[in-house]
PDB file of all heavy atoms in Angstrom:
ATOM      1  N   ALA A   1       0.825  -1.203   0.000  1.00  0.00           N
ATOM      2  CA  ALA A   1       0.000   0.000   0.000  1.00  0.00           C
ATOM      3  C   ALA A   1       0.866   1.263   0.000  1.00  0.00           C
ATOM      4  O   ALA A   1       0.569   2.241  -0.705  1.00  0.00           O
ATOM      5  CB  ALA A   1      -0.933  -0.016   1.206  1.00  0.00           C
ATOM      6  N   ARG A   2       1.934   1.259   0.749  1.00  0.00           N
ATOM      7  CA  ARG A   2       2.834   2.419   0.758  1.00  0.00           C
ATOM      8  C   ARG A   2       3.499   2.610  -0.606  1.00  0.00           C
ATOM      9  O   ARG A   2       3.644   3.746  -1.078  1.00  0.00           O
ATOM     10  CB  ARG A   2       3.886   2.254   1.850  1.00  0.00           C
ATOM     11  CG  ARG A   2       4.885   3.405   1.925  1.00  0.00           C
ATOM     12  CD  ARG A   2       5.899   3.187   3.020  1.00  0.00           C
ATOM     13  NE  ARG A   2       5.319   3.329   4.327  1.00  0.00           N
ATOM     14  CZ  ARG A   2       5.122   4.507   4.943  1.00  0.00           C
ATOM     15  NH1 ARG A   2       5.434   5.640   4.341  1.00  0.00           N
ATOM     16  NH2 ARG A   2       4.597   4.537   6.144  1.00  0.00           N
ATOM     17  N   ARG A   3       3.897   1.508  -1.207  1.00  0.00           N
ATOM     18  CA  ARG A   3       4.551   1.614  -2.514  1.00  0.00           C
ATOM     19  C   ARG A   3       3.580   2.176  -3.570  1.00  0.00           C
ATOM     20  O   ARG A   3       3.956   3.010  -4.401  1.00  0.00           O
ATOM     21  CB  ARG A   3       5.057   0.237  -2.946  1.00  0.00           C
ATOM     22  CG  ARG A   3       5.908   0.250  -4.196  1.00  0.00           C
ATOM     23  CD  ARG A   3       6.498  -1.116  -4.447  1.00  0.00           C
ATOM     24  NE  ARG A   3       7.350  -1.133  -5.628  1.00  0.00           N
ATOM     25  CZ  ARG A   3       8.618  -0.748  -5.647  1.00  0.00           C
ATOM     26  NH1 ARG A   3       9.198  -0.317  -4.541  1.00  0.00           N
ATOM     27  NH2 ARG A   3       9.318  -0.796  -6.774  1.00  0.00           N
ATOM     28  N   ALA A   4       2.343   1.712  -3.514  1.00  0.00           N
ATOM     29  CA  ALA A   4       1.348   2.251  -4.446  1.00  0.00           C
ATOM     30  C   ALA A   4       1.087   3.731  -4.185  1.00  0.00           C
ATOM     31  O   ALA A   4       0.913   4.523  -5.133  1.00  0.00           O
ATOM     32  CB  ALA A   4       0.048   1.454  -4.326  1.00  0.00           C
ATOM     33  N   PHE A   5       1.068   4.138  -2.918  1.00  0.00           N
ATOM     34  CA  PHE A   5       0.845   5.548  -2.584  1.00  0.00           C
ATOM     35  C   PHE A   5       2.010   6.420  -3.059  1.00  0.00           C
ATOM     36  O   PHE A   5       1.798   7.522  -3.593  1.00  0.00           O
ATOM     37  CB  PHE A   5       0.653   5.680  -1.072  1.00  0.00           C
ATOM     38  CG  PHE A   5       0.653   7.092  -0.582  1.00  0.00           C
ATOM     39  CD1 PHE A   5      -0.419   7.929  -0.853  1.00  0.00           C
ATOM     40  CD2 PHE A   5       1.719   7.595   0.155  1.00  0.00           C
ATOM     41  CE1 PHE A   5      -0.421   9.245  -0.402  1.00  0.00           C
ATOM     42  CE2 PHE A   5       1.720   8.895   0.598  1.00  0.00           C
ATOM     43  CZ  PHE A   5       0.646   9.725   0.326  1.00  0.00           C
ATOM     44  N   GLU A   6       3.230   5.957  -2.854  1.00  0.00           N
ATOM     45  CA  GLU A   6       4.384   6.746  -3.281  1.00  0.00           C
ATOM     46  C   GLU A   6       4.464   6.870  -4.802  1.00  0.00           C
ATOM     47  O   GLU A   6       4.956   7.879  -5.322  1.00  0.00           O
ATOM     48  CB  GLU A   6       5.666   6.111  -2.747  1.00  0.00           C
ATOM     49  CG  GLU A   6       5.803   6.205  -1.232  1.00  0.00           C
ATOM     50  CD  GLU A   6       7.022   5.478  -0.714  1.00  0.00           C
ATOM     51  OE1 GLU A   6       7.666   4.770  -1.533  1.00  0.00           O
ATOM     52  OE2 GLU A   6       7.336   5.615   0.481  1.00  0.00           O
ATOM     53  N   ARG A   7       3.988   5.854  -5.520  1.00  0.00           N
ATOM     54  CA  ARG A   7       3.998   5.911  -6.974  1.00  0.00           C
ATOM     55  C   ARG A   7       2.783   6.636  -7.541  1.00  0.00           C
ATOM     56  O   ARG A   7       2.744   6.935  -8.740  1.00  0.00           O
ATOM     57  CB  ARG A   7       4.054   4.496  -7.552  1.00  0.00           C
ATOM     58  CG  ARG A   7       5.380   3.800  -7.326  1.00  0.00           C
ATOM     59  CD  ARG A   7       5.359   2.435  -7.982  1.00  0.00           C
ATOM     60  NE  ARG A   7       6.670   1.790  -7.930  1.00  0.00           N
ATOM     61  CZ  ARG A   7       6.941   0.615  -8.484  1.00  0.00           C
ATOM     62  NH1 ARG A   7       5.977  -0.039  -9.122  1.00  0.00           N
ATOM     63  NH2 ARG A   7       8.145   0.103  -8.398  1.00  0.00           N
ATOM     64  N   GLY A   8       1.761   6.845  -6.711  1.00  0.00           N
ATOM     65  CA  GLY A   8       0.560   7.498  -7.194  1.00  0.00           C
ATOM     66  C   GLY A   8      -0.336   6.595  -8.004  1.00  0.00           C
ATOM     67  O   GLY A   8      -1.074   7.072  -8.880  1.00  0.00           O
ATOM     68  N   THR A   9      -0.311   5.290  -7.726  1.00  0.00           N
ATOM     69  CA  THR A   9      -1.150   4.334  -8.449  1.00  0.00           C
ATOM     70  C   THR A   9      -2.313   3.891  -7.561  1.00  0.00           C
ATOM     71  O   THR A   9      -2.212   3.900  -6.325  1.00  0.00           O
ATOM     72  CB  THR A   9      -0.325   3.103  -8.857  1.00  0.00           C
ATOM     73  OG1 THR A   9       0.245   2.506  -7.682  1.00  0.00           O
ATOM     74  CG2 THR A   9       0.799   3.505  -9.807  1.00  0.00           C
ATOM     75  N   PRO A  10      -3.434   3.475  -8.141  1.00  0.00           N
ATOM     76  CA  PRO A  10      -4.576   3.006  -7.335  1.00  0.00           C
ATOM     77  C   PRO A  10      -4.216   1.752  -6.542  1.00  0.00           C
ATOM     78  O   PRO A  10      -3.346   0.968  -6.926  1.00  0.00           O
ATOM     79  CB  PRO A  10      -5.655   2.720  -8.385  1.00  0.00           C
ATOM     80  CG  PRO A  10      -5.246   3.520  -9.592  1.00  0.00           C
ATOM     81  CD  PRO A  10      -3.752   3.534  -9.572  1.00  0.00           C
ATOM     82  N   LEU A  11      -4.925   1.555  -5.460  1.00  0.00           N
ATOM     83  CA  LEU A  11      -4.655   0.394  -4.600  1.00  0.00           C
ATOM     84  C   LEU A  11      -5.163  -0.898  -5.218  1.00  0.00           C
ATOM     85  O   LEU A  11      -4.539  -1.947  -5.061  1.00  0.00           O
ATOM     86  CB  LEU A  11      -5.297   0.603  -3.222  1.00  0.00           C
ATOM     87  CG  LEU A  11      -4.660   1.674  -2.340  1.00  0.00           C
ATOM     88  CD1 LEU A  11      -5.458   1.823  -1.052  1.00  0.00           C
ATOM     89  CD2 LEU A  11      -3.209   1.330  -2.030  1.00  0.00           C
ATOM     90  N   GLY A  12      -6.298  -0.852  -5.891  1.00  0.00           N
ATOM     91  CA  GLY A  12      -6.838  -2.065  -6.488  1.00  0.00           C
ATOM     92  C   GLY A  12      -7.269  -3.070  -5.420  1.00  0.00           C
ATOM     93  O   GLY A  12      -8.013  -2.757  -4.488  1.00  0.00           O
ATOM     94  N   TYR A  13      -6.778  -4.308  -5.546  1.00  0.00           N
ATOM     95  CA  TYR A  13      -7.169  -5.372  -4.610  1.00  0.00           C
ATOM     96  C   TYR A  13      -6.638  -5.121  -3.199  1.00  0.00           C
ATOM     97  O   TYR A  13      -7.115  -5.732  -2.238  1.00  0.00           O
ATOM     98  CB  TYR A  13      -6.649  -6.718  -5.107  1.00  0.00           C
ATOM     99  CG  TYR A  13      -5.168  -6.896  -4.954  1.00  0.00           C
ATOM    100  CD1 TYR A  13      -4.630  -7.537  -3.836  1.00  0.00           C
ATOM    101  CD2 TYR A  13      -4.291  -6.412  -5.922  1.00  0.00           C
ATOM    102  CE1 TYR A  13      -3.272  -7.700  -3.688  1.00  0.00           C
ATOM    103  CE2 TYR A  13      -2.927  -6.567  -5.778  1.00  0.00           C
ATOM    104  CZ  TYR A  13      -2.428  -7.214  -4.674  1.00  0.00           C
ATOM    105  OH  TYR A  13      -1.075  -7.362  -4.524  1.00  0.00           O
ATOM    106  N   LEU A  14      -5.669  -4.223  -3.064  1.00  0.00           N
ATOM    107  CA  LEU A  14      -5.121  -3.946  -1.732  1.00  0.00           C
ATOM    108  C   LEU A  14      -6.145  -3.276  -0.818  1.00  0.00           C
ATOM    109  O   LEU A  14      -6.015  -3.341   0.412  1.00  0.00           O
ATOM    110  CB  LEU A  14      -3.882  -3.056  -1.849  1.00  0.00           C
ATOM    111  CG  LEU A  14      -2.646  -3.704  -2.476  1.00  0.00           C
ATOM    112  CD1 LEU A  14      -1.533  -2.685  -2.639  1.00  0.00           C
ATOM    113  CD2 LEU A  14      -2.169  -4.884  -1.638  1.00  0.00           C
ATOM    114  N   SER A  15      -7.152  -2.636  -1.403  1.00  0.00           N
ATOM    115  CA  SER A  15      -8.187  -2.016  -0.564  1.00  0.00           C
ATOM    116  C   SER A  15      -8.912  -3.066   0.274  1.00  0.00           C
ATOM    117  O   SER A  15      -9.127  -2.887   1.481  1.00  0.00           O
ATOM    118  CB  SER A  15      -9.182  -1.267  -1.451  1.00  0.00           C
ATOM    119  OG  SER A  15      -8.527  -0.245  -2.186  1.00  0.00           O
ATOM    120  N   ALA A  16      -9.280  -4.173  -0.351  1.00  0.00           N
ATOM    121  CA  ALA A  16      -9.957  -5.243   0.400  1.00  0.00           C
ATOM    122  C   ALA A  16      -9.023  -5.867   1.426  1.00  0.00           C
ATOM    123  O   ALA A  16      -9.445  -6.208   2.547  1.00  0.00           O
ATOM    124  CB  ALA A  16     -10.479  -6.303  -0.570  1.00  0.00           C
ATOM    125  N   GLN A  17      -7.745  -6.027   1.086  1.00  0.00           N
ATOM    126  CA  GLN A  17      -6.785  -6.585   2.039  1.00  0.00           C
ATOM    127  C   GLN A  17      -6.597  -5.666   3.237  1.00  0.00           C
ATOM    128  O   GLN A  17      -6.489  -6.134   4.385  1.00  0.00           O
ATOM    129  CB  GLN A  17      -5.452  -6.828   1.336  1.00  0.00           C
ATOM    130  CG  GLN A  17      -5.476  -7.962   0.329  1.00  0.00           C
ATOM    131  CD  GLN A  17      -5.629  -9.304   1.007  1.00  0.00           C
ATOM    132  OE1 GLN A  17      -5.131  -9.523   2.106  1.00  0.00           O
ATOM    133  NE2 GLN A  17      -6.356 -10.217   0.356  1.00  0.00           N
ATOM    134  N   LEU A  18      -6.568  -4.360   2.999  1.00  0.00           N
ATOM    135  CA  LEU A  18      -6.432  -3.414   4.109  1.00  0.00           C
ATOM    136  C   LEU A  18      -7.646  -3.479   5.029  1.00  0.00           C
ATOM    137  O   LEU A  18      -7.516  -3.443   6.263  1.00  0.00           O
ATOM    138  CB  LEU A  18      -6.250  -1.992   3.567  1.00  0.00           C
ATOM    139  CG  LEU A  18      -4.919  -1.694   2.870  1.00  0.00           C
ATOM    140  CD1 LEU A  18      -4.940  -0.302   2.254  1.00  0.00           C
ATOM    141  CD2 LEU A  18      -3.756  -1.812   3.850  1.00  0.00           C
ATOM    142  N   GLN A  19      -8.835  -3.582   4.441  1.00  0.00           N
ATOM    143  CA  GLN A  19     -10.042  -3.686   5.256  1.00  0.00           C
ATOM    144  C   GLN A  19     -10.045  -4.976   6.066  1.00  0.00           C
ATOM    145  O   GLN A  19     -10.430  -4.985   7.242  1.00  0.00           O
ATOM    146  CB  GLN A  19     -11.281  -3.645   4.340  1.00  0.00           C
ATOM    147  CG  GLN A  19     -11.553  -2.283   3.718  1.00  0.00           C
ATOM    148  CD  GLN A  19     -12.189  -1.319   4.716  1.00  0.00           C
ATOM    149  OE1 GLN A  19     -12.376  -1.632   5.896  1.00  0.00           O
ATOM    150  NE2 GLN A  19     -12.512  -0.137   4.239  1.00  0.00           N
ATOM    151  N   GLN A  20      -9.614  -6.068   5.452  1.00  0.00           N
ATOM    152  CA  GLN A  20      -9.662  -7.368   6.129  1.00  0.00           C
ATOM    153  C   GLN A  20      -8.663  -7.450   7.274  1.00  0.00           C
ATOM    154  O   GLN A  20      -8.981  -7.996   8.339  1.00  0.00           O
ATOM    155  CB  GLN A  20      -9.389  -8.470   5.110  1.00  0.00           C
ATOM    156  CG  GLN A  20      -9.346  -9.874   5.711  1.00  0.00           C
ATOM    157  CD  GLN A  20      -9.029 -10.938   4.671  1.00  0.00           C
ATOM    158  OE1 GLN A  20      -8.954 -10.645   3.479  1.00  0.00           O
ATOM    159  NE2 GLN A  20      -8.842 -12.159   5.125  1.00  0.00           N
ATOM    160  N   ARG A  21      -7.464  -6.915   7.074  1.00  0.00           N
ATOM    161  CA  ARG A  21      -6.399  -7.106   8.067  1.00  0.00           C
ATOM    162  C   ARG A  21      -6.304  -5.977   9.086  1.00  0.00           C
ATOM    163  O   ARG A  21      -5.829  -6.204  10.211  1.00  0.00           O
ATOM    164  CB  ARG A  21      -5.058  -7.274   7.361  1.00  0.00           C
ATOM    165  CG  ARG A  21      -5.009  -8.502   6.475  1.00  0.00           C
ATOM    166  CD  ARG A  21      -3.642  -8.703   5.870  1.00  0.00           C
ATOM    167  NE  ARG A  21      -3.619  -9.892   5.024  1.00  0.00           N
ATOM    168  CZ  ARG A  21      -3.460 -11.127   5.463  1.00  0.00           C
ATOM    169  NH1 ARG A  21      -3.307 -11.340   6.750  1.00  0.00           N
ATOM    170  NH2 ARG A  21      -3.463 -12.156   4.623  1.00  0.00           N
ATOM    171  N   PHE A  22      -6.717  -4.769   8.743  1.00  0.00           N
ATOM    172  CA  PHE A  22      -6.549  -3.644   9.664  1.00  0.00           C
ATOM    173  C   PHE A  22      -7.839  -2.897   9.945  1.00  0.00           C
ATOM    174  O   PHE A  22      -7.831  -1.958  10.748  1.00  0.00           O
ATOM    175  CB  PHE A  22      -5.531  -2.640   9.088  1.00  0.00           C
ATOM    176  CG  PHE A  22      -4.222  -3.261   8.690  1.00  0.00           C
ATOM    177  CD1 PHE A  22      -3.901  -3.450   7.357  1.00  0.00           C
ATOM    178  CD2 PHE A  22      -3.310  -3.665   9.653  1.00  0.00           C
ATOM    179  CE1 PHE A  22      -2.698  -4.014   6.983  1.00  0.00           C
ATOM    180  CE2 PHE A  22      -2.107  -4.244   9.290  1.00  0.00           C
ATOM    181  CZ  PHE A  22      -1.799  -4.416   7.949  1.00  0.00           C
ATOM    182  N   GLY A  23      -8.941  -3.299   9.309  1.00  0.00           N
ATOM    183  CA  GLY A  23     -10.185  -2.553   9.504  1.00  0.00           C
ATOM    184  C   GLY A  23     -10.678  -2.573  10.934  1.00  0.00           C
ATOM    185  O   GLY A  23     -11.154  -1.555  11.452  1.00  0.00           O
ATOM    186  N   ALA A  24     -10.560  -3.704  11.608  1.00  0.00           N
ATOM    187  CA  ALA A  24     -11.051  -3.797  12.985  1.00  0.00           C
ATOM    188  C   ALA A  24     -10.139  -3.066  13.960  1.00  0.00           C
ATOM    189  O   ALA A  24     -10.606  -2.549  14.983  1.00  0.00           O
ATOM    190  CB  ALA A  24     -11.184  -5.265  13.393  1.00  0.00           C
ATOM    191  N   ALA A  25      -8.844  -2.997  13.672  1.00  0.00           N
ATOM    192  CA  ALA A  25      -7.898  -2.377  14.610  1.00  0.00           C
ATOM    193  C   ALA A  25      -7.832  -0.860  14.449  1.00  0.00           C
ATOM    194  O   ALA A  25      -7.764  -0.127  15.445  1.00  0.00           O
ATOM    195  CB  ALA A  25      -6.504  -2.985  14.406  1.00  0.00           C
ATOM    196  N   ASP A  26      -7.842  -0.364  13.206  1.00  0.00           N
ATOM    197  CA  ASP A  26      -7.732   1.084  12.970  1.00  0.00           C
ATOM    198  C   ASP A  26      -8.484   1.407  11.680  1.00  0.00           C
ATOM    199  O   ASP A  26      -7.892   1.528  10.602  1.00  0.00           O
ATOM    200  CB  ASP A  26      -6.269   1.502  12.862  1.00  0.00           C
ATOM    201  CG  ASP A  26      -6.080   3.007  13.012  1.00  0.00           C
ATOM    202  OD1 ASP A  26      -7.055   3.747  12.786  1.00  0.00           O
ATOM    203  OD2 ASP A  26      -4.959   3.439  13.348  1.00  0.00           O
ATOM    204  N   ALA A  27      -9.789   1.560  11.808  1.00  0.00           N
ATOM    205  CA  ALA A  27     -10.620   1.839  10.628  1.00  0.00           C
ATOM    206  C   ALA A  27     -10.314   3.211  10.051  1.00  0.00           C
ATOM    207  O   ALA A  27     -10.398   3.412   8.826  1.00  0.00           O
ATOM    208  CB  ALA A  27     -12.095   1.726  10.996  1.00  0.00           C
ATOM    209  N   GLY A  28      -9.937   4.186  10.890  1.00  0.00           N
ATOM    210  CA  GLY A  28      -9.645   5.530  10.402  1.00  0.00           C
ATOM    211  C   GLY A  28      -8.439   5.564   9.485  1.00  0.00           C
ATOM    212  O   GLY A  28      -8.457   6.220   8.431  1.00  0.00           O
ATOM    213  N   ALA A  29      -7.380   4.854   9.867  1.00  0.00           N
ATOM    214  CA  ALA A  29      -6.181   4.826   9.033  1.00  0.00           C
ATOM    215  C   ALA A  29      -6.459   4.144   7.702  1.00  0.00           C
ATOM    216  O   ALA A  29      -5.999   4.595   6.641  1.00  0.00           O
ATOM    217  CB  ALA A  29      -5.054   4.113   9.766  1.00  0.00           C
ATOM    218  N   VAL A  30      -7.237   3.055   7.743  1.00  0.00           N
ATOM    219  CA  VAL A  30      -7.571   2.346   6.506  1.00  0.00           C
ATOM    220  C   VAL A  30      -8.398   3.251   5.590  1.00  0.00           C
ATOM    221  O   VAL A  30      -8.156   3.319   4.372  1.00  0.00           O
ATOM    222  CB  VAL A  30      -8.331   1.048   6.825  1.00  0.00           C
ATOM    223  CG1 VAL A  30      -8.829   0.390   5.541  1.00  0.00           C
ATOM    224  CG2 VAL A  30      -7.444   0.082   7.598  1.00  0.00           C
TER     225      VAL A  30
END
């Protein structure tokens, strides 16, 4: 996710992975 952000590219499938792995712990950051 950081690499995609630094390059300015869309997250794509990483959005679902971020929700699955970090959504419950820090929904605001996701």
